[in-house]
PDB file of N, CA and C in Angstrom:
ATOM      1  N   UNK A   1     116.602 111.643 103.736  1.00  0.00           N
ATOM      2  CA  UNK A   1     115.712 111.300 102.662  1.00  0.00           C
ATOM      3  C   UNK A   1     114.854 110.154 103.148  1.00  0.00           C
ATOM      4  N   UNK A   2     113.656 110.012 102.936  1.00  0.00           N
ATOM      5  CA  UNK A   2     112.843 110.734 101.981  1.00  0.00           C
ATOM      6  C   UNK A   2     112.271 112.042 102.533  1.00  0.00           C
ATOM      7  N   UNK A   3     111.892 112.890 101.611  1.00  0.00           N
ATOM      8  CA  UNK A   3     111.203 114.127 101.961  1.00  0.00           C
ATOM      9  C   UNK A   3     109.800 114.024 101.387  1.00  0.00           C
ATOM     10  N   UNK A   4     108.877 113.646 102.247  1.00  0.00           N
ATOM     11  CA  UNK A   4     107.513 113.302 101.859  1.00  0.00           C
ATOM     12  C   UNK A   4     106.661 114.565 101.848  1.00  0.00           C
ATOM     13  N   UNK A   5     105.803 114.691 100.833  1.00  0.00           N
ATOM     14  CA  UNK A   5     104.872 115.817 100.748  1.00  0.00           C
ATOM     15  C   UNK A   5     103.446 115.272 100.750  1.00  0.00           C
ATOM     16  N   UNK A   6     102.605 115.904 101.547  1.00  0.00           N
ATOM     17  CA  UNK A   6     101.191 115.523 101.618  1.00  0.00           C
ATOM     18  C   UNK A   6     100.364 116.758 101.294  1.00  0.00           C
ATOM     19  N   UNK A   7      99.671 116.710 100.163  1.00  0.00           N
ATOM     20  CA  UNK A   7      98.733 117.776  99.792  1.00  0.00           C
ATOM     21  C   UNK A   7      97.347 117.315 100.215  1.00  0.00           C
ATOM     22  N   UNK A   8      96.593 118.204 100.871  1.00  0.00           N
ATOM     23  CA  UNK A   8      95.271 117.804 101.354  1.00  0.00           C
ATOM     24  C   UNK A   8      94.277 118.946 101.159  1.00  0.00           C
ATOM     25  N   UNK A   9      93.023 118.582 100.914  1.00  0.00           N
ATOM     26  CA  UNK A   9      91.955 119.560 100.727  1.00  0.00           C
ATOM     27  C   UNK A   9      91.766 120.394 101.985  1.00  0.00           C
ATOM     28  N   UNK A  10      91.487 121.669 101.786  1.00  0.00           N
ATOM     29  CA  UNK A  10      91.274 122.586 102.906  1.00  0.00           C
ATOM     30  C   UNK A  10      90.165 122.098 103.841  1.00  0.00           C
ATOM     31  N   UNK A  11      89.152 121.410 103.301  1.00  0.00           N
ATOM     32  CA  UNK A  11      88.062 120.892 104.125  1.00  0.00           C
ATOM     33  C   UNK A  11      88.545 119.945 105.220  1.00  0.00           C
ATOM     34  N   UNK A  12      89.713 119.349 105.018  1.00  0.00           N
ATOM     35  CA  UNK A  12      90.237 118.370 105.966  1.00  0.00           C
ATOM     36  C   UNK A  12      91.126 118.985 107.043  1.00  0.00           C
ATOM     37  N   UNK A  13      91.388 120.269 106.955  1.00  0.00           N
ATOM     38  CA  UNK A  13      92.387 120.916 107.817  1.00  0.00           C
ATOM     39  C   UNK A  13      92.182 120.642 109.304  1.00  0.00           C
ATOM     40  N   UNK A  14      90.965 120.647 109.768  1.00  0.00           N
ATOM     41  CA  UNK A  14      90.709 120.458 111.200  1.00  0.00           C
ATOM     42  C   UNK A  14      90.231 119.055 111.546  1.00  0.00           C
ATOM     43  N   UNK A  15      90.388 118.101 110.625  1.00  0.00           N
ATOM     44  CA  UNK A  15      89.811 116.784 110.852  1.00  0.00           C
ATOM     45  C   UNK A  15      90.823 115.686 111.120  1.00  0.00           C
ATOM     46  N   UNK A  16      92.124 115.974 110.971  1.00  0.00           N
ATOM     47  CA  UNK A  16      93.112 114.919 111.230  1.00  0.00           C
ATOM     48  C   UNK A  16      94.365 115.505 111.859  1.00  0.00           C
ATOM     49  N   UNK A  17      95.088 114.653 112.540  1.00  0.00           N
ATOM     50  CA  UNK A  17      96.298 115.023 113.265  1.00  0.00           C
ATOM     51  C   UNK A  17      97.497 114.874 112.330  1.00  0.00           C
ATOM     52  N   UNK A  18      97.971 115.992 111.788  1.00  0.00           N
ATOM     53  CA  UNK A  18      99.083 115.952 110.849  1.00  0.00           C
ATOM     54  C   UNK A  18     100.376 115.464 111.504  1.00  0.00           C
ATOM     55  N   UNK A  19     100.596 115.824 112.736  1.00  0.00           N
ATOM     56  CA  UNK A  19     101.806 115.361 113.438  1.00  0.00           C
ATOM     57  C   UNK A  19     101.823 113.836 113.523  1.00  0.00           C
ATOM     58  N   UNK A  20     100.710 113.248 113.920  1.00  0.00           N
ATOM     59  CA  UNK A  20     100.635 111.785 114.038  1.00  0.00           C
ATOM     60  C   UNK A  20     100.783 111.113 112.676  1.00  0.00           C
ATOM     61  N   UNK A  21     100.130 111.664 111.651  1.00  0.00           N
ATOM     62  CA  UNK A  21     100.239 111.088 110.318  1.00  0.00           C
ATOM     63  C   UNK A  21     101.666 111.215 109.794  1.00  0.00           C
ATOM     64  N   UNK A  22     102.287 112.373 110.003  1.00  0.00           N
ATOM     65  CA  UNK A  22     103.666 112.561 109.555  1.00  0.00           C
ATOM     66  C   UNK A  22     104.619 111.580 110.209  1.00  0.00           C
ATOM     67  N   UNK A  23     104.478 111.381 111.505  1.00  0.00           N
ATOM     68  CA  UNK A  23     105.336 110.411 112.205  1.00  0.00           C
ATOM     69  C   UNK A  23     105.101 109.000 111.688  1.00  0.00           C
ATOM     70  N   UNK A  24     103.847 108.662 111.428  1.00  0.00           N
ATOM     71  CA  UNK A  24     103.523 107.328 110.915  1.00  0.00           C
ATOM     72  C   UNK A  24     104.084 107.131 109.496  1.00  0.00           C
ATOM     73  N   UNK A  25     104.005 108.163 108.655  1.00  0.00           N
ATOM     74  CA  UNK A  25     104.603 108.076 107.319  1.00  0.00           C
ATOM     75  C   UNK A  25     106.114 107.882 107.414  1.00  0.00           C
ATOM     76  N   UNK A  26     106.742 108.608 108.315  1.00  0.00           N
ATOM     77  CA  UNK A  26     108.180 108.460 108.510  1.00  0.00           C
ATOM     78  C   UNK A  26     108.525 107.035 108.949  1.00  0.00           C
ATOM     79  N   UNK A  27     107.687 106.454 109.807  1.00  0.00           N
ATOM     80  CA  UNK A  27     107.930 105.083 110.262  1.00  0.00           C
ATOM     81  C   UNK A  27     107.815 104.087 109.107  1.00  0.00           C
ATOM     82  N   UNK A  28     106.910 104.361 108.159  1.00  0.00           N
ATOM     83  CA  UNK A  28     106.819 103.493 106.980  1.00  0.00           C
ATOM     84  C   UNK A  28     108.100 103.565 106.155  1.00  0.00           C
ATOM     85  N   UNK A  29     108.695 104.750 106.059  1.00  0.00           N
ATOM     86  CA  UNK A  29     109.957 104.891 105.333  1.00  0.00           C
ATOM     87  C   UNK A  29     111.051 104.060 105.997  1.00  0.00           C
ATOM     88  N   UNK A  30     111.070 104.057 107.306  1.00  0.00           N
ATOM     89  CA  UNK A  30     112.052 103.256 108.037  1.00  0.00           C
ATOM     90  C   UNK A  30     111.801 101.772 107.770  1.00  0.00           C
ATOM     91  N   UNK A  31     110.544 101.358 107.834  1.00  0.00           N
ATOM     92  CA  UNK A  31     110.194  99.942 107.673  1.00  0.00           C
ATOM     93  C   UNK A  31     110.429  99.438 106.248  1.00  0.00           C
ATOM     94  N   UNK A  32     109.935 100.159 105.257  1.00  0.00           N
ATOM     95  CA  UNK A  32     109.981  99.674 103.880  1.00  0.00           C
ATOM     96  C   UNK A  32     111.248 100.034 103.123  1.00  0.00           C
ATOM     97  N   UNK A  33     111.912 101.114 103.531  1.00  0.00           N
ATOM     98  CA  UNK A  33     113.070 101.596 102.784  1.00  0.00           C
ATOM     99  C   UNK A  33     114.368 101.510 103.572  1.00  0.00           C
ATOM    100  N   UNK A  34     114.280 101.064 104.828  1.00  0.00           N
ATOM    101  CA  UNK A  34     115.446 101.048 105.714  1.00  0.00           C
ATOM    102  C   UNK A  34     116.049 102.446 105.837  1.00  0.00           C
ATOM    103  N   UNK A  35     115.192 103.466 105.800  1.00  0.00           N
ATOM    104  CA  UNK A  35     115.655 104.851 105.960  1.00  0.00           C
ATOM    105  C   UNK A  35     116.009 105.109 107.420  1.00  0.00           C
ATOM    106  N   UNK A  36     116.969 105.969 107.631  1.00  0.00           N
ATOM    107  CA  UNK A  36     117.307 106.372 108.997  1.00  0.00           C
ATOM    108  C   UNK A  36     116.185 107.264 109.524  1.00  0.00           C
ATOM    109  N   UNK A  37     115.696 107.010 110.739  1.00  0.00           N
ATOM    110  CA  UNK A  37     114.572 107.801 111.260  1.00  0.00           C
ATOM    111  C   UNK A  37     114.813 109.307 111.236  1.00  0.00           C
ATOM    112  N   UNK A  38     116.031 109.746 111.534  1.00  0.00           N
ATOM    113  CA  UNK A  38     116.290 111.185 111.566  1.00  0.00           C
ATOM    114  C   UNK A  38     116.474 111.778 110.168  1.00  0.00           C
ATOM    115  N   UNK A  39     116.422 110.951 109.121  1.00  0.00           N
ATOM    116  CA  UNK A  39     116.531 111.444 107.752  1.00  0.00           C
ATOM    117  C   UNK A  39     115.167 111.658 107.100  1.00  0.00           C
ATOM    118  N   UNK A  40     114.099 111.243 107.783  1.00  0.00           N
ATOM    119  CA  UNK A  40     112.752 111.342 107.212  1.00  0.00           C
ATOM    120  C   UNK A  40     112.135 112.691 107.547  1.00  0.00           C
ATOM    121  N   UNK A  41     111.522 113.296 106.543  1.00  0.00           N
ATOM    122  CA  UNK A  41     110.848 114.575 106.731  1.00  0.00           C
ATOM    123  C   UNK A  41     109.527 114.543 105.974  1.00  0.00           C
ATOM    124  N   UNK A  42     108.498 115.052 106.615  1.00  0.00           N
ATOM    125  CA  UNK A  42     107.183 115.106 105.976  1.00  0.00           C
ATOM    126  C   UNK A  42     106.643 116.513 106.103  1.00  0.00           C
ATOM    127  N   UNK A  43     106.175 117.056 104.992  1.00  0.00           N
ATOM    128  CA  UNK A  43     105.548 118.379 105.021  1.00  0.00           C
ATOM    129  C   UNK A  43     104.122 118.244 104.514  1.00  0.00           C
ATOM    130  N   UNK A  44     103.269 119.114 105.041  1.00  0.00           N
ATOM    131  CA  UNK A  44     101.853 119.125 104.683  1.00  0.00           C
ATOM    132  C   UNK A  44     101.530 120.449 104.018  1.00  0.00           C
ATOM    133  N   UNK A  45     100.777 120.376 102.933  1.00  0.00           N
ATOM    134  CA  UNK A  45     100.353 121.573 102.214  1.00  0.00           C
ATOM    135  C   UNK A  45      98.844 121.530 102.038  1.00  0.00           C
ATOM    136  N   UNK A  46      98.184 122.519 102.612  1.00  0.00           N
ATOM    137  CA  UNK A  46      96.740 122.646 102.455  1.00  0.00           C
ATOM    138  C   UNK A  46      96.440 123.209 101.077  1.00  0.00           C
ATOM    139  N   UNK A  47      95.512 122.583 100.378  1.00  0.00           N
ATOM    140  CA  UNK A  47      95.124 123.007  99.038  1.00  0.00           C
ATOM    141  C   UNK A  47      93.726 123.601  99.133  1.00  0.00           C
ATOM    142  N   UNK A  48      93.615 124.880  98.814  1.00  0.00           N
ATOM    143  CA  UNK A  48      92.339 125.574  98.963  1.00  0.00           C
ATOM    144  C   UNK A  48      91.356 125.294  97.845  1.00  0.00           C
ATOM    145  N   UNK A  49      91.853 124.881  96.699  1.00  0.00           N
ATOM    146  CA  UNK A  49      90.938 124.623  95.583  1.00  0.00           C
ATOM    147  C   UNK A  49      91.415 123.411  94.804  1.00  0.00           C
ATOM    148  N   UNK A  50      90.500 122.507  94.514  1.00  0.00           N
ATOM    149  CA  UNK A  50      90.813 121.331  93.710  1.00  0.00           C
ATOM    150  C   UNK A  50      89.712 121.126  92.676  1.00  0.00           C
ATOM    151  N   UNK A  51      90.038 120.349  91.664  1.00  0.00           N
ATOM    152  CA  UNK A  51      89.070 119.979  90.632  1.00  0.00           C
ATOM    153  C   UNK A  51      89.068 118.462  90.551  1.00  0.00           C
ATOM    154  N   UNK A  52      87.883 117.869  90.574  1.00  0.00           N
ATOM    155  CA  UNK A  52      87.749 116.420  90.507  1.00  0.00           C
ATOM    156  C   UNK A  52      86.796 116.094  89.362  1.00  0.00           C
ATOM    157  N   UNK A  53      87.226 115.243  88.456  1.00  0.00           N
ATOM    158  CA  UNK A  53      86.419 114.796  87.321  1.00  0.00           C
ATOM    159  C   UNK A  53      85.831 115.985  86.561  1.00  0.00           C
ATOM    160  N   UNK A  54      86.680 116.968  86.284  1.00  0.00           N
ATOM    161  CA  UNK A  54      86.269 118.084  85.454  1.00  0.00           C
ATOM    162  C   UNK A  54      85.356 119.087  86.122  1.00  0.00           C
ATOM    163  N   UNK A  55      85.107 118.948  87.407  1.00  0.00           N
ATOM    164  CA  UNK A  55      84.237 119.893  88.099  1.00  0.00           C
ATOM    165  C   UNK A  55      84.909 120.320  89.395  1.00  0.00           C
ATOM    166  N   UNK A  56      84.404 121.392  89.963  1.00  0.00           N
ATOM    167  CA  UNK A  56      84.914 121.816  91.265  1.00  0.00           C
ATOM    168  C   UNK A  56      84.701 120.678  92.255  1.00  0.00           C
ATOM    169  N   UNK A  57      85.450 120.661  93.280  1.00  0.00           N
ATOM    170  CA  UNK A  57      85.470 119.526  94.194  1.00  0.00           C
ATOM    171  C   UNK A  57      84.435 119.628  95.309  1.00  0.00           C
ATOM    172  N   UNK A  58      83.257 120.170  95.013  1.00  0.00           N
ATOM    173  CA  UNK A  58      82.206 120.254  96.026  1.00  0.00           C
ATOM    174  C   UNK A  58      81.876 118.851  96.525  1.00  0.00           C
ATOM    175  N   UNK A  59      81.951 118.661  97.812  1.00  0.00           N
ATOM    176  CA  UNK A  59      81.626 117.366  98.399  1.00  0.00           C
ATOM    177  C   UNK A  59      82.707 116.315  98.249  1.00  0.00           C
ATOM    178  N   UNK A  60      83.861 116.713  97.708  1.00  0.00           N
ATOM    179  CA  UNK A  60      84.936 115.751  97.508  1.00  0.00           C
ATOM    180  C   UNK A  60      86.231 116.296  98.102  1.00  0.00           C
ATOM    181  N   UNK A  61      86.939 115.417  98.784  1.00  0.00           N
ATOM    182  CA  UNK A  61      88.213 115.788  99.397  1.00  0.00           C
ATOM    183  C   UNK A  61      89.324 114.958  98.767  1.00  0.00           C
ATOM    184  N   UNK A  62      90.515 115.527  98.803  1.00  0.00           N
ATOM    185  CA  UNK A  62      91.664 114.944  98.124  1.00  0.00           C
ATOM    186  C   UNK A  62      92.858 114.919  99.065  1.00  0.00           C
ATOM    187  N   UNK A  63      93.566 113.803  99.104  1.00  0.00           N
ATOM    188  CA  UNK A  63      94.847 113.711  99.803  1.00  0.00           C
ATOM    189  C   UNK A  63      95.811 112.991  98.868  1.00  0.00           C
ATOM    190  N   UNK A  64      96.870 113.685  98.501  1.00  0.00           N
ATOM    191  CA  UNK A  64      97.873 113.136  97.592  1.00  0.00           C
ATOM    192  C   UNK A  64      99.228 113.126  98.294  1.00  0.00           C
ATOM    193  N   UNK A  65      99.889 111.983  98.299  1.00  0.00           N
ATOM    194  CA  UNK A  65     101.183 111.834  98.964  1.00  0.00           C
ATOM    195  C   UNK A  65     102.254 111.584  97.910  1.00  0.00           C
ATOM    196  N   UNK A  66     103.263 112.450  97.882  1.00  0.00           N
ATOM    197  CA  UNK A  66     104.442 112.246  97.046  1.00  0.00           C
ATOM    198  C   UNK A  66     105.558 111.724  97.937  1.00  0.00           C
ATOM    199  N   UNK A  67     106.145 110.619  97.536  1.00  0.00           N
ATOM    200  CA  UNK A  67     107.123 109.920  98.370  1.00  0.00           C
ATOM    201  C   UNK A  67     108.380 109.691  97.535  1.00  0.00           C
ATOM    202  N   UNK A  68     109.217 110.733  97.340  1.00  0.00           N
ATOM    203  CA  UNK A  68     110.431 110.565  96.541  1.00  0.00           C
ATOM    204  C   UNK A  68     111.490 109.786  97.318  1.00  0.00           C
ATOM    205  N   UNK A  69     112.121 108.836  96.632  1.00  0.00           N
ATOM    206  CA  UNK A  69     113.136 107.998  97.275  1.00  0.00           C
ATOM    207  C   UNK A  69     114.346 107.876  96.356  1.00  0.00           C
ATOM    208  N   UNK A  70     115.483 107.522  96.945  1.00  0.00           N
ATOM    209  CA  UNK A  70     116.653 107.230  96.133  1.00  0.00           C
ATOM    210  C   UNK A  70     116.430 105.913  95.397  1.00  0.00           C
ATOM    211  N   UNK A  71     116.989 105.778  94.204  1.00  0.00           N
ATOM    212  CA  UNK A  71     116.800 104.560  93.410  1.00  0.00           C
ATOM    213  C   UNK A  71     117.398 103.335  94.096  1.00  0.00           C
ATOM    214  N   UNK A  72     116.944 102.175  93.620  1.00  0.00           N
ATOM    215  CA  UNK A  72     117.532 100.933  94.094  1.00  0.00           C
ATOM    216  C   UNK A  72     116.545 100.022  94.805  1.00  0.00           C
ATOM    217  N   UNK A  73     115.351 100.515  95.098  1.00  0.00           N
ATOM    218  CA  UNK A  73     114.351  99.665  95.749  1.00  0.00           C
ATOM    219  C   UNK A  73     113.624  98.848  94.691  1.00  0.00           C
ATOM    220  N   UNK A  74     113.243  97.645  95.061  1.00  0.00           N
ATOM    221  CA  UNK A  74     112.549  96.771  94.117  1.00  0.00           C
ATOM    222  C   UNK A  74     111.136  97.283  93.859  1.00  0.00           C
ATOM    223  N   UNK A  75     110.557  96.917  92.722  1.00  0.00           N
ATOM    224  CA  UNK A  75     109.166  97.278  92.460  1.00  0.00           C
ATOM    225  C   UNK A  75     108.227  96.757  93.551  1.00  0.00           C
ATOM    226  N   UNK A  76     108.544  95.591  94.104  1.00  0.00           N
ATOM    227  CA  UNK A  76     107.712  95.024  95.178  1.00  0.00           C
ATOM    228  C   UNK A  76     107.781  95.874  96.441  1.00  0.00           C
ATOM    229  N   UNK A  77     108.971  96.382  96.763  1.00  0.00           N
ATOM    230  CA  UNK A  77     109.111  97.241  97.947  1.00  0.00           C
ATOM    231  C   UNK A  77     108.341  98.542  97.752  1.00  0.00           C
ATOM    232  N   UNK A  78     108.414  99.116  96.559  1.00  0.00           N
ATOM    233  CA  UNK A  78     107.684 100.356  96.276  1.00  0.00           C
ATOM    234  C   UNK A  78     106.176 100.127  96.328  1.00  0.00           C
ATOM    235  N   UNK A  79     105.723  99.012  95.756  1.00  0.00           N
ATOM    236  CA  UNK A  79     104.289  98.700  95.789  1.00  0.00           C
ATOM    237  C   UNK A  79     103.824  98.459  97.220  1.00  0.00           C
ATOM    238  N   UNK A  80     104.625  97.761  98.001  1.00  0.00           N
ATOM    239  CA  UNK A  80     104.283  97.532  99.411  1.00  0.00           C
ATOM    240  C   UNK A  80     104.184  98.834 100.176  1.00  0.00           C
ATOM    241  N   UNK A  81     105.126  99.740  99.927  1.00  0.00           N
ATOM    242  CA  UNK A  81     105.089 101.048 100.569  1.00  0.00           C
ATOM    243  C   UNK A  81     103.835 101.809 100.154  1.00  0.00           C
ATOM    244  N   UNK A  82     103.509 101.790  98.865  1.00  0.00           N
ATOM    245  CA  UNK A  82     102.303 102.490  98.390  1.00  0.00           C
ATOM    246  C   UNK A  82     101.049 101.962  99.071  1.00  0.00           C
ATOM    247  N   UNK A  83     100.911 100.651  99.151  1.00  0.00           N
ATOM    248  CA  UNK A  83      99.737 100.053  99.803  1.00  0.00           C
ATOM    249  C   UNK A  83      99.688 100.419 101.285  1.00  0.00           C
ATOM    250  N   UNK A  84     100.848 100.419 101.932  1.00  0.00           N
ATOM    251  CA  UNK A  84     100.897 100.773 103.353  1.00  0.00           C
ATOM    252  C   UNK A  84     100.512 102.236 103.569  1.00  0.00           C
ATOM    253  N   UNK A  85     100.939 103.110 102.665  1.00  0.00           N
ATOM    254  CA  UNK A  85     100.573 104.528 102.779  1.00  0.00           C
ATOM    255  C   UNK A  85      99.062 104.696 102.626  1.00  0.00           C
ATOM    256  N   UNK A  86      98.467 104.030 101.649  1.00  0.00           N
ATOM    257  CA  UNK A  86      97.013 104.129 101.466  1.00  0.00           C
ATOM    258  C   UNK A  86      96.262 103.617 102.689  1.00  0.00           C
ATOM    259  N   UNK A  87      96.728 102.519 103.270  1.00  0.00           N
ATOM    260  CA  UNK A  87      96.092 101.990 104.478  1.00  0.00           C
ATOM    261  C   UNK A  87      96.229 102.976 105.637  1.00  0.00           C
ATOM    262  N   UNK A  88      97.387 103.604 105.736  1.00  0.00           N
ATOM    263  CA  UNK A  88      97.617 104.591 106.792  1.00  0.00           C
ATOM    264  C   UNK A  88      96.700 105.802 106.629  1.00  0.00           C
ATOM    265  N   UNK A  89      96.530 106.255 105.390  1.00  0.00           N
ATOM    266  CA  UNK A  89      95.625 107.380 105.147  1.00  0.00           C
ATOM    267  C   UNK A  89      94.205 107.026 105.570  1.00  0.00           C
ATOM    268  N   UNK A  90      93.779 105.809 105.275  1.00  0.00           N
ATOM    269  CA  UNK A  90      92.436 105.373 105.662  1.00  0.00           C
ATOM    270  C   UNK A  90      92.266 105.375 107.176  1.00  0.00           C
ATOM    271  N   UNK A  91      93.325 105.062 107.902  1.00  0.00           N
ATOM    272  CA  UNK A  91      93.275 105.070 109.370  1.00  0.00           C
ATOM    273  C   UNK A  91      93.196 106.488 109.942  1.00  0.00           C
ATOM    274  N   UNK A  92      93.905 107.414 109.321  1.00  0.00           N
ATOM    275  CA  UNK A  92      94.062 108.756 109.889  1.00  0.00           C
ATOM    276  C   UNK A  92      93.068 109.795 109.381  1.00  0.00           C
ATOM    277  N   UNK A  93      92.431 109.517 108.253  1.00  0.00           N
ATOM    278  CA  UNK A  93      91.560 110.526 107.646  1.00  0.00           C
ATOM    279  C   UNK A  93      90.099 110.096 107.696  1.00  0.00           C
ATOM    280  N   UNK A  94      89.262 110.933 108.271  1.00  0.00           N
ATOM    281  CA  UNK A  94      87.842 110.602 108.343  1.00  0.00           C
ATOM    282  C   UNK A  94      87.147 110.845 107.005  1.00  0.00           C
ATOM    283  N   UNK A  95      86.137 110.067 106.755  1.00  0.00           N
ATOM    284  CA  UNK A  95      85.274 110.323 105.607  1.00  0.00           C
ATOM    285  C   UNK A  95      83.950 110.814 106.160  1.00  0.00           C
ATOM    286  N   UNK A  96      83.670 112.078 105.968  1.00  0.00           N
ATOM    287  CA  UNK A  96      82.454 112.686 106.526  1.00  0.00           C
ATOM    288  C   UNK A  96      81.236 112.241 105.723  1.00  0.00           C
ATOM    289  N   UNK A  97      80.092 112.112 106.380  1.00  0.00           N
ATOM    290  CA  UNK A  97      78.866 111.752 105.669  1.00  0.00           C
ATOM    291  C   UNK A  97      78.590 112.738 104.531  1.00  0.00           C
ATOM    292  N   UNK A  98      78.228 112.195 103.383  1.00  0.00           N
ATOM    293  CA  UNK A  98      77.911 113.034 102.229  1.00  0.00           C
ATOM    294  C   UNK A  98      79.116 113.537 101.470  1.00  0.00           C
ATOM    295  N   UNK A  99      80.327 113.118 101.875  1.00  0.00           N
ATOM    296  CA  UNK A  99      81.542 113.546 101.179  1.00  0.00           C
ATOM    297  C   UNK A  99      82.266 112.324 100.645  1.00  0.00           C
ATOM    298  N   UNK A 100      83.113 112.539  99.676  1.00  0.00           N
ATOM    299  CA  UNK A 100      83.920 111.467  99.100  1.00  0.00           C
ATOM    300  C   UNK A 100      85.389 111.845  99.279  1.00  0.00           C
ATOM    301  N   UNK A 101      86.191 110.879  99.719  1.00  0.00           N
ATOM    302  CA  UNK A 101      87.622 111.112  99.943  1.00  0.00           C
ATOM    303  C   UNK A 101      88.425 110.346  98.902  1.00  0.00           C
ATOM    304  N   UNK A 102      89.226 111.075  98.116  1.00  0.00           N
ATOM    305  CA  UNK A 102      90.126 110.483  97.132  1.00  0.00           C
ATOM    306  C   UNK A 102      91.535 110.516  97.726  1.00  0.00           C
ATOM    307  N   UNK A 103      92.225 109.376  97.739  1.00  0.00           N
ATOM    308  CA  UNK A 103      93.604 109.328  98.219  1.00  0.00           C
ATOM    309  C   UNK A 103      94.477 108.692  97.147  1.00  0.00           C
ATOM    310  N   UNK A 104      95.725 109.129  97.108  1.00  0.00           N
ATOM    311  CA  UNK A 104      96.688 108.561  96.162  1.00  0.00           C
ATOM    312  C   UNK A 104      98.087 108.755  96.713  1.00  0.00           C
ATOM    313  N   UNK A 105      98.979 107.864  96.304  1.00  0.00           N
ATOM    314  CA  UNK A 105     100.384 107.971  96.680  1.00  0.00           C
ATOM    315  C   UNK A 105     101.234 107.728  95.441  1.00  0.00           C
ATOM    316  N   UNK A 106     102.321 108.482  95.331  1.00  0.00           N
ATOM    317  CA  UNK A 106     103.258 108.335  94.232  1.00  0.00           C
ATOM    318  C   UNK A 106     104.650 108.124  94.823  1.00  0.00           C
ATOM    319  N   UNK A 107     105.132 106.890  94.761  1.00  0.00           N
ATOM    320  CA  UNK A 107     106.493 106.577  95.187  1.00  0.00           C
ATOM    321  C   UNK A 107     107.355 106.632  93.938  1.00  0.00           C
ATOM    322  N   UNK A 108     108.318 107.527  93.928  1.00  0.00           N
ATOM    323  CA  UNK A 108     109.087 107.768  92.706  1.00  0.00           C
ATOM    324  C   UNK A 108     110.581 107.897  93.033  1.00  0.00           C
ATOM    325  N   UNK A 109     111.408 107.355  92.142  1.00  0.00           N
ATOM    326  CA  UNK A 109     112.862 107.491  92.281  1.00  0.00           C
ATOM    327  C   UNK A 109     113.276 108.904  91.894  1.00  0.00           C
ATOM    328  N   UNK A 110     114.130 109.480  92.714  1.00  0.00           N
ATOM    329  CA  UNK A 110     114.694 110.783  92.371  1.00  0.00           C
ATOM    330  C   UNK A 110     116.023 110.578  91.647  1.00  0.00           C
ATOM    331  N   UNK A 111     116.521 111.618  91.040  1.00  0.00           N
ATOM    332  CA  UNK A 111     117.821 111.579  90.380  1.00  0.00           C
ATOM    333  C   UNK A 111     118.899 111.791  91.440  1.00  0.00           C
ATOM    334  N   UNK A 112     119.510 110.711  91.872  1.00  0.00           N
ATOM    335  CA  UNK A 112     120.495 110.815  92.956  1.00  0.00           C
ATOM    336  C   UNK A 112     121.773 111.526  92.527  1.00  0.00           C
ATOM    337  N   UNK A 113     121.990 111.661  91.224  1.00  0.00           N
ATOM    338  CA  UNK A 113     123.178 112.387  90.758  1.00  0.00           C
ATOM    339  C   UNK A 113     123.033 113.886  90.940  1.00  0.00           C
ATOM    340  N   UNK A 114     121.796 114.382  90.893  1.00  0.00           N
ATOM    341  CA  UNK A 114     121.618 115.835  90.987  1.00  0.00           C
ATOM    342  C   UNK A 114     120.990 116.284  92.296  1.00  0.00           C
ATOM    343  N   UNK A 115     120.422 115.375  93.075  1.00  0.00           N
ATOM    344  CA  UNK A 115     119.786 115.776  94.333  1.00  0.00           C
ATOM    345  C   UNK A 115     120.838 116.242  95.328  1.00  0.00           C
ATOM    346  N   UNK A 116     120.554 117.354  95.986  1.00  0.00           N
ATOM    347  CA  UNK A 116     121.430 117.872  97.032  1.00  0.00           C
ATOM    348  C   UNK A 116     120.576 118.357  98.186  1.00  0.00           C
ATOM    349  N   UNK A 117     121.069 118.282  99.378  1.00  0.00           N
ATOM    350  CA  UNK A 117     120.406 118.794 100.557  1.00  0.00           C
ATOM    351  C   UNK A 117     121.434 119.137 101.609  1.00  0.00           C
ATOM    352  N   UNK A 118     121.030 119.972 102.549  1.00  0.00           N
ATOM    353  CA  UNK A 118     121.922 120.355 103.634  1.00  0.00           C
ATOM    354  C   UNK A 118     121.110 120.661 104.866  1.00  0.00           C
ATOM    355  N   UNK A 119     121.754 120.648 105.992  1.00  0.00           N
ATOM    356  CA  UNK A 119     121.148 121.049 107.261  1.00  0.00           C
ATOM    357  C   UNK A 119     122.039 122.106 107.879  1.00  0.00           C
ATOM    358  N   UNK A 120     121.463 123.221 108.259  1.00  0.00           N
ATOM    359  CA  UNK A 120     122.218 124.313 108.863  1.00  0.00           C
ATOM    360  C   UNK A 120     121.834 124.439 110.331  1.00  0.00           C
ATOM    361  N   UNK A 121     122.798 124.513 111.184  1.00  0.00           N
ATOM    362  CA  UNK A 121     122.559 124.730 112.608  1.00  0.00           C
ATOM    363  C   UNK A 121     122.859 126.168 112.960  1.00  0.00           C
ATOM    364  N   UNK A 122     122.014 126.725 113.844  1.00  0.00           N
ATOM    365  CA  UNK A 122     122.219 128.113 114.244  1.00  0.00           C
ATOM    366  C   UNK A 122     122.805 128.228 115.600  1.00  0.00           C
TER     367      UNK A 122
END
């Protein structure tokens, strides 16, 4: 844990290195949450259609990061992680001329009583 999800506009698919961004996000989890490096996972989902301010997203790109964590971190640690994620997105994602890039991060506590996960080896 954490299992980070990054949703990004299809327009951005060929403009950033997802492997590098995923590794950097995982490193933030280690730094801010004291997560074990081998417990961090990041997945990327390309979003083919988005709506921004009630209209189609022509000329606008979106990157949304969901960062679920186990409870127990202070509000300051969560806020620090959120700010670090936004700064990281700014480093890794280009803003093309004539386009607008919207970024957001949601650091949220999961229900540790019901969360389950497993790893299967073949």
